[in-house]
């Protein structure tokens, strides 16, 4: 799977979530992928990006996009896990 840097989507692409998406782009240091695939379905690359995972962490796996979404849906957001672990100490 191709993991070229994402093209920055034009302002207003994320509606009411614009500010949050742009802030997360700044934090991660990379542009948000298009949230939809060409088919109109949710993009696994966008979910992977929202979770703060490195580009290709799941989407570089040679599995169907539906399986990628399944894997991501069963995953843990690293920042949430770190907060939980700190809370246990």
C-alpha atoms as a PDB file:
ATOM      1  CA  UNK A   1       0.000   0.000   0.000  1.00  0.00           C
ATOM      2  CA  UNK A   2       1.203   3.487  -0.879  1.00  0.00           C
ATOM      3  CA  UNK A   3       2.029   5.690   2.104  1.00  0.00           C
ATOM      4  CA  UNK A   4       2.958   8.970   0.484  1.00  0.00           C
ATOM      5  CA  UNK A   5       2.502  12.098   2.617  1.00  0.00           C
ATOM      6  CA  UNK A   6      -1.125  13.171   2.645  1.00  0.00           C
ATOM      7  CA  UNK A   7      -2.289  16.171   0.650  1.00  0.00           C
ATOM      8  CA  UNK A   8      -3.611  18.841   2.986  1.00  0.00           C
ATOM      9  CA  UNK A   9      -7.378  18.977   2.473  1.00  0.00           C
ATOM     10  CA  UNK A  10      -8.811  22.466   1.873  1.00  0.00           C
ATOM     11  CA  UNK A  11     -10.176  24.565   4.747  1.00  0.00           C
ATOM     12  CA  UNK A  12     -13.696  23.601   5.710  1.00  0.00           C
ATOM     13  CA  UNK A  13     -13.271  19.947   4.742  1.00  0.00           C
ATOM     14  CA  UNK A  14     -14.098  18.760   8.250  1.00  0.00           C
ATOM     15  CA  UNK A  15     -17.086  20.972   9.076  1.00  0.00           C
ATOM     16  CA  UNK A  16     -17.659  21.384  12.798  1.00  0.00           C
ATOM     17  CA  UNK A  17     -14.555  19.288  13.524  1.00  0.00           C
ATOM     18  CA  UNK A  18     -12.217  21.516  11.495  1.00  0.00           C
ATOM     19  CA  UNK A  19     -10.429  23.037  14.500  1.00  0.00           C
ATOM     20  CA  UNK A  20      -9.900  19.667  16.208  1.00  0.00           C
ATOM     21  CA  UNK A  21      -8.599  18.039  13.015  1.00  0.00           C
ATOM     22  CA  UNK A  22      -6.191  20.887  12.289  1.00  0.00           C
ATOM     23  CA  UNK A  23      -4.959  20.833  15.909  1.00  0.00           C
ATOM     24  CA  UNK A  24      -4.350  17.060  15.680  1.00  0.00           C
ATOM     25  CA  UNK A  25      -2.491  17.570  12.386  1.00  0.00           C
ATOM     26  CA  UNK A  26      -0.234  20.039  14.177  1.00  0.00           C
ATOM     27  CA  UNK A  27       0.340  17.668  17.119  1.00  0.00           C
ATOM     28  CA  UNK A  28       1.087  14.670  14.882  1.00  0.00           C
ATOM     29  CA  UNK A  29       3.101  16.669  12.372  1.00  0.00           C
ATOM     30  CA  UNK A  30       1.269  15.240   9.374  1.00  0.00           C
ATOM     31  CA  UNK A  31      -1.835  16.069   7.376  1.00  0.00           C
ATOM     32  CA  UNK A  32      -5.110  14.270   7.921  1.00  0.00           C
ATOM     33  CA  UNK A  33      -5.944  11.683   5.272  1.00  0.00           C
ATOM     34  CA  UNK A  34      -9.251  11.976   3.483  1.00  0.00           C
ATOM     35  CA  UNK A  35     -11.841  10.493   5.875  1.00  0.00           C
ATOM     36  CA  UNK A  36     -13.529   8.646   3.005  1.00  0.00           C
ATOM     37  CA  UNK A  37     -12.246   6.152   0.473  1.00  0.00           C
ATOM     38  CA  UNK A  38     -13.142   6.540  -3.218  1.00  0.00           C
ATOM     39  CA  UNK A  39     -16.110   4.260  -2.524  1.00  0.00           C
ATOM     40  CA  UNK A  40     -17.454   6.726   0.068  1.00  0.00           C
ATOM     41  CA  UNK A  41     -16.705   4.325   2.917  1.00  0.00           C
ATOM     42  CA  UNK A  42     -14.695   5.265   5.993  1.00  0.00           C
ATOM     43  CA  UNK A  43     -10.962   5.295   5.297  1.00  0.00           C
ATOM     44  CA  UNK A  44      -8.769   3.066   7.484  1.00  0.00           C
ATOM     45  CA  UNK A  45      -5.939   5.559   6.913  1.00  0.00           C
ATOM     46  CA  UNK A  46      -8.057   8.281   8.534  1.00  0.00           C
ATOM     47  CA  UNK A  47      -8.905   6.073  11.524  1.00  0.00           C
ATOM     48  CA  UNK A  48      -5.238   5.134  11.911  1.00  0.00           C
ATOM     49  CA  UNK A  49      -4.353   8.857  11.823  1.00  0.00           C
ATOM     50  CA  UNK A  50      -7.100   9.777  14.335  1.00  0.00           C
ATOM     51  CA  UNK A  51      -5.739   7.170  16.742  1.00  0.00           C
ATOM     52  CA  UNK A  52      -2.288   8.778  16.531  1.00  0.00           C
ATOM     53  CA  UNK A  53      -0.685   5.657  15.100  1.00  0.00           C
ATOM     54  CA  UNK A  54       2.253   5.885  12.688  1.00  0.00           C
ATOM     55  CA  UNK A  55       1.204   5.941   9.025  1.00  0.00           C
ATOM     56  CA  UNK A  56       1.018   2.341   7.815  1.00  0.00           C
ATOM     57  CA  UNK A  57       0.882   0.796  11.300  1.00  0.00           C
ATOM     58  CA  UNK A  58      -2.230  -1.110  10.214  1.00  0.00           C
ATOM     59  CA  UNK A  59      -2.913   0.114   6.695  1.00  0.00           C
ATOM     60  CA  UNK A  60       0.343  -1.295   5.330  1.00  0.00           C
ATOM     61  CA  UNK A  61      -0.855  -4.793   6.229  1.00  0.00           C
ATOM     62  CA  UNK A  62      -1.916  -6.841   3.221  1.00  0.00           C
ATOM     63  CA  UNK A  63      -5.532  -7.182   4.337  1.00  0.00           C
ATOM     64  CA  UNK A  64      -8.810  -5.761   3.043  1.00  0.00           C
ATOM     65  CA  UNK A  65      -9.821  -2.274   4.202  1.00  0.00           C
ATOM     66  CA  UNK A  66     -12.777  -3.776   6.088  1.00  0.00           C
ATOM     67  CA  UNK A  67     -10.360  -5.968   8.069  1.00  0.00           C
ATOM     68  CA  UNK A  68      -8.094  -2.969   8.670  1.00  0.00           C
ATOM     69  CA  UNK A  69     -11.057  -1.132  10.193  1.00  0.00           C
ATOM     70  CA  UNK A  70     -11.809  -4.189  12.321  1.00  0.00           C
ATOM     71  CA  UNK A  71      -8.214  -4.267  13.587  1.00  0.00           C
ATOM     72  CA  UNK A  72      -8.263  -0.525  14.285  1.00  0.00           C
ATOM     73  CA  UNK A  73     -11.622  -0.804  16.022  1.00  0.00           C
ATOM     74  CA  UNK A  74     -10.192  -3.389  18.375  1.00  0.00           C
ATOM     75  CA  UNK A  75      -7.048  -1.347  18.972  1.00  0.00           C
ATOM     76  CA  UNK A  76      -6.051   0.963  21.781  1.00  0.00           C
ATOM     77  CA  UNK A  77      -5.225   4.634  21.343  1.00  0.00           C
ATOM     78  CA  UNK A  78      -1.645   4.908  22.668  1.00  0.00           C
ATOM     79  CA  UNK A  79      -2.291   8.238  24.420  1.00  0.00           C
ATOM     80  CA  UNK A  80      -5.284   6.785  26.283  1.00  0.00           C
ATOM     81  CA  UNK A  81      -3.284   3.727  27.309  1.00  0.00           C
ATOM     82  CA  UNK A  82      -0.464   5.912  28.632  1.00  0.00           C
ATOM     83  CA  UNK A  83      -2.914   7.983  30.660  1.00  0.00           C
ATOM     84  CA  UNK A  84      -4.512   4.839  32.113  1.00  0.00           C
ATOM     85  CA  UNK A  85      -1.138   3.393  33.080  1.00  0.00           C
ATOM     86  CA  UNK A  86      -0.105   6.656  34.769  1.00  0.00           C
ATOM     87  CA  UNK A  87      -3.389   6.639  36.655  1.00  0.00           C
ATOM     88  CA  UNK A  88      -2.639   3.151  37.998  1.00  0.00           C
ATOM     89  CA  UNK A  89       0.713   4.151  39.457  1.00  0.00           C
END
